[in-house]
């Protein structure tokens, strides 16, 4: 179950990002996951919950955005969906294809709530952290 180690790394990266906002509480984190990563979204969410249950991130949600695998044929340049890690072009049968999408693992954004000492209503802000974690092909 590699989802647990991914969840733990996400928690580490999120804590590091939140150091710039010491009075903020994490409400949600959005993760973009490519289909070829073979990550089970529900398992990742459960592992994230377990990794954050007794710390400052307790109660935060992890939201997954799934990215379908898409490739481009190197011979005829057709863009096509990749099924079961099979990269054969449906038009010309060429197996040399460039992967365009589907291998992503990115922490995309954090939704935080700023806590105010004077008990004023909270302001929500979104931090966009493209490319903070993982790679995009």
Protein backbone atom coordinates (compact mmCIF):
# COMPACT_ATOMS: atom_id res chain seq x y z
CA UNK A 1 0.00 0.00 0.00
CA UNK A 2 2.04 2.93 -1.32
CA UNK A 3 -0.83 5.33 -0.56
CA UNK A 4 0.30 5.56 3.08
CA UNK A 5 3.80 6.78 2.21
CA UNK A 6 2.29 9.24 -0.29
CA UNK A 7 -0.13 10.55 2.37
CA UNK A 8 2.73 10.96 4.85
CA UNK A 9 4.76 12.91 2.28
CA UNK A 10 1.74 15.10 1.50
CA UNK A 11 1.39 15.86 5.23
CA UNK A 12 5.09 16.80 5.40
CA UNK A 13 4.82 19.13 2.39
CA UNK A 14 1.58 20.70 3.66
CA UNK A 15 3.07 21.38 7.10
CA UNK A 16 6.06 22.99 5.45
CA UNK A 17 3.79 25.17 3.29
CA UNK A 18 1.68 26.20 6.29
CA UNK A 19 4.71 27.50 8.20
CA UNK A 20 4.21 30.72 6.27
CA UNK A 21 0.70 30.92 7.79
CA UNK A 22 1.17 30.09 11.50
CA UNK A 23 -2.38 31.04 12.55
CA UNK A 24 -4.10 29.13 9.74
CA UNK A 25 -6.02 25.87 9.85
CA UNK A 26 -6.07 23.52 6.86
CA UNK A 27 -9.58 22.79 5.64
CA UNK A 28 -8.77 20.84 2.45
CA UNK A 29 -5.96 19.88 0.12
CA UNK A 30 -6.41 19.12 -3.57
CA UNK A 31 -4.19 16.48 -5.15
CA UNK A 32 -3.99 15.76 -8.88
CA UNK A 33 -3.33 12.05 -9.51
CA UNK A 34 -2.64 10.49 -12.90
CA UNK A 35 -4.29 7.18 -13.79
CA UNK A 36 -0.92 5.51 -14.43
CA UNK A 37 0.15 6.13 -10.81
CA UNK A 38 -2.21 3.30 -9.78
CA UNK A 39 -3.29 5.16 -6.65
CA UNK A 40 -6.66 4.23 -5.19
CA UNK A 41 -8.34 7.57 -4.33
CA UNK A 42 -10.36 6.29 -1.36
CA UNK A 43 -7.33 4.54 0.10
CA UNK A 44 -5.25 7.72 -0.24
CA UNK A 45 -7.98 9.73 1.48
CA UNK A 46 -8.16 7.20 4.36
CA UNK A 47 -4.38 7.20 4.72
CA UNK A 48 -4.36 11.01 4.76
CA UNK A 49 -7.01 10.99 7.47
CA UNK A 50 -4.94 8.54 9.52
CA UNK A 51 -1.77 10.61 9.03
CA UNK A 52 -3.49 13.80 10.22
CA UNK A 53 -5.88 12.51 12.90
CA UNK A 54 -3.96 13.64 15.98
CA UNK A 55 -2.07 16.71 14.84
CA UNK A 56 -2.62 20.28 13.71
CA UNK A 57 -4.05 19.05 10.39
CA UNK A 58 -6.79 16.96 12.05
CA UNK A 59 -10.14 17.26 10.32
CA UNK A 60 -8.71 18.40 6.98
CA UNK A 61 -10.07 16.79 3.82
CA UNK A 62 -8.03 15.42 0.95
CA UNK A 63 -9.68 15.85 -2.44
CA UNK A 64 -8.48 13.88 -5.45
CA UNK A 65 -8.60 15.06 -9.04
CA UNK A 66 -8.08 12.08 -11.34
CA UNK A 67 -6.24 12.63 -14.63
CA UNK A 68 -6.78 10.21 -17.49
CA UNK A 69 -3.74 8.91 -19.32
CA UNK A 70 -3.28 10.57 -22.71
CA UNK A 71 -0.52 9.93 -25.25
CA UNK A 72 0.55 11.27 -28.66
CA UNK A 73 1.71 8.94 -31.42
CA UNK A 74 5.26 9.75 -32.52
CA UNK A 75 4.46 8.63 -36.08
CA UNK A 76 1.01 10.07 -36.99
CA UNK A 77 0.68 12.53 -34.04
CA UNK A 78 -2.77 11.29 -33.00
CA UNK A 79 -3.60 12.00 -29.35
CA UNK A 80 -5.32 9.02 -27.74
CA UNK A 81 -6.37 7.65 -24.35
CA UNK A 82 -4.04 5.10 -22.84
CA UNK A 83 -5.82 1.96 -21.69
CA UNK A 84 -4.15 -0.40 -19.18
CA UNK A 85 -0.69 1.11 -19.81
CA UNK A 86 -0.91 0.09 -23.48
CA UNK A 87 0.60 2.79 -25.68
CA UNK A 88 -0.27 1.47 -29.15
CA UNK A 89 -1.72 4.09 -31.49
CA UNK A 90 -5.26 3.15 -32.49
CA UNK A 91 -4.80 4.76 -35.93
CA UNK A 92 -1.46 3.44 -37.19
CA UNK A 93 -0.46 0.77 -34.65
CA UNK A 94 2.82 2.51 -33.71
CA UNK A 95 4.00 1.71 -30.17
CA UNK A 96 6.36 4.67 -29.82
CA UNK A 97 4.19 7.27 -28.13
CA UNK A 98 4.78 10.29 -25.94
CA UNK A 99 2.87 10.37 -22.65
CA UNK A 100 1.10 13.73 -22.31
CA UNK A 101 -0.92 13.17 -19.13
CA UNK A 102 -1.57 10.42 -16.64
CA UNK A 103 1.60 10.25 -14.56
CA UNK A 104 0.90 13.31 -12.40
CA UNK A 105 1.14 13.38 -8.64
CA UNK A 106 0.80 17.00 -7.57
CA UNK A 107 -0.35 18.93 -4.57
CA UNK A 108 -2.43 21.52 -6.44
CA UNK A 109 -3.95 23.72 -3.75
CA UNK A 110 -4.58 24.16 -0.05
CA UNK A 111 -7.76 25.64 1.35
CA UNK A 112 -6.97 27.27 4.67
CA UNK A 113 -8.93 29.17 7.24
CA UNK A 114 -7.18 32.02 8.96
CA UNK A 115 -7.76 32.12 12.71
CA UNK A 116 -7.99 35.56 14.24
CA UNK A 117 -7.19 36.30 17.86
CA UNK A 118 -10.13 38.69 18.14
CA UNK A 119 -12.69 35.99 17.20
CA UNK A 120 -13.73 37.76 14.01
CA UNK A 121 -15.25 35.61 11.21
CA UNK A 122 -12.66 33.56 9.38
CA UNK A 123 -11.40 34.43 5.93
CA UNK A 124 -10.77 31.60 3.51
CA UNK A 125 -7.89 31.78 1.10
CA UNK A 126 -6.53 29.32 -1.40
CA UNK A 127 -2.85 28.72 -1.87
CA UNK A 128 -1.89 27.39 -5.26
CA UNK A 129 1.21 25.26 -5.06
CA UNK A 130 1.65 23.88 -8.58
CA UNK A 131 4.40 21.33 -8.80
CA UNK A 132 5.16 21.29 -5.08
CA UNK A 133 4.96 17.52 -4.94
CA UNK A 134 5.67 14.90 -7.52
CA UNK A 135 6.07 15.16 -11.22
CA UNK A 136 4.04 15.82 -14.29
CA UNK A 137 4.87 14.22 -17.57
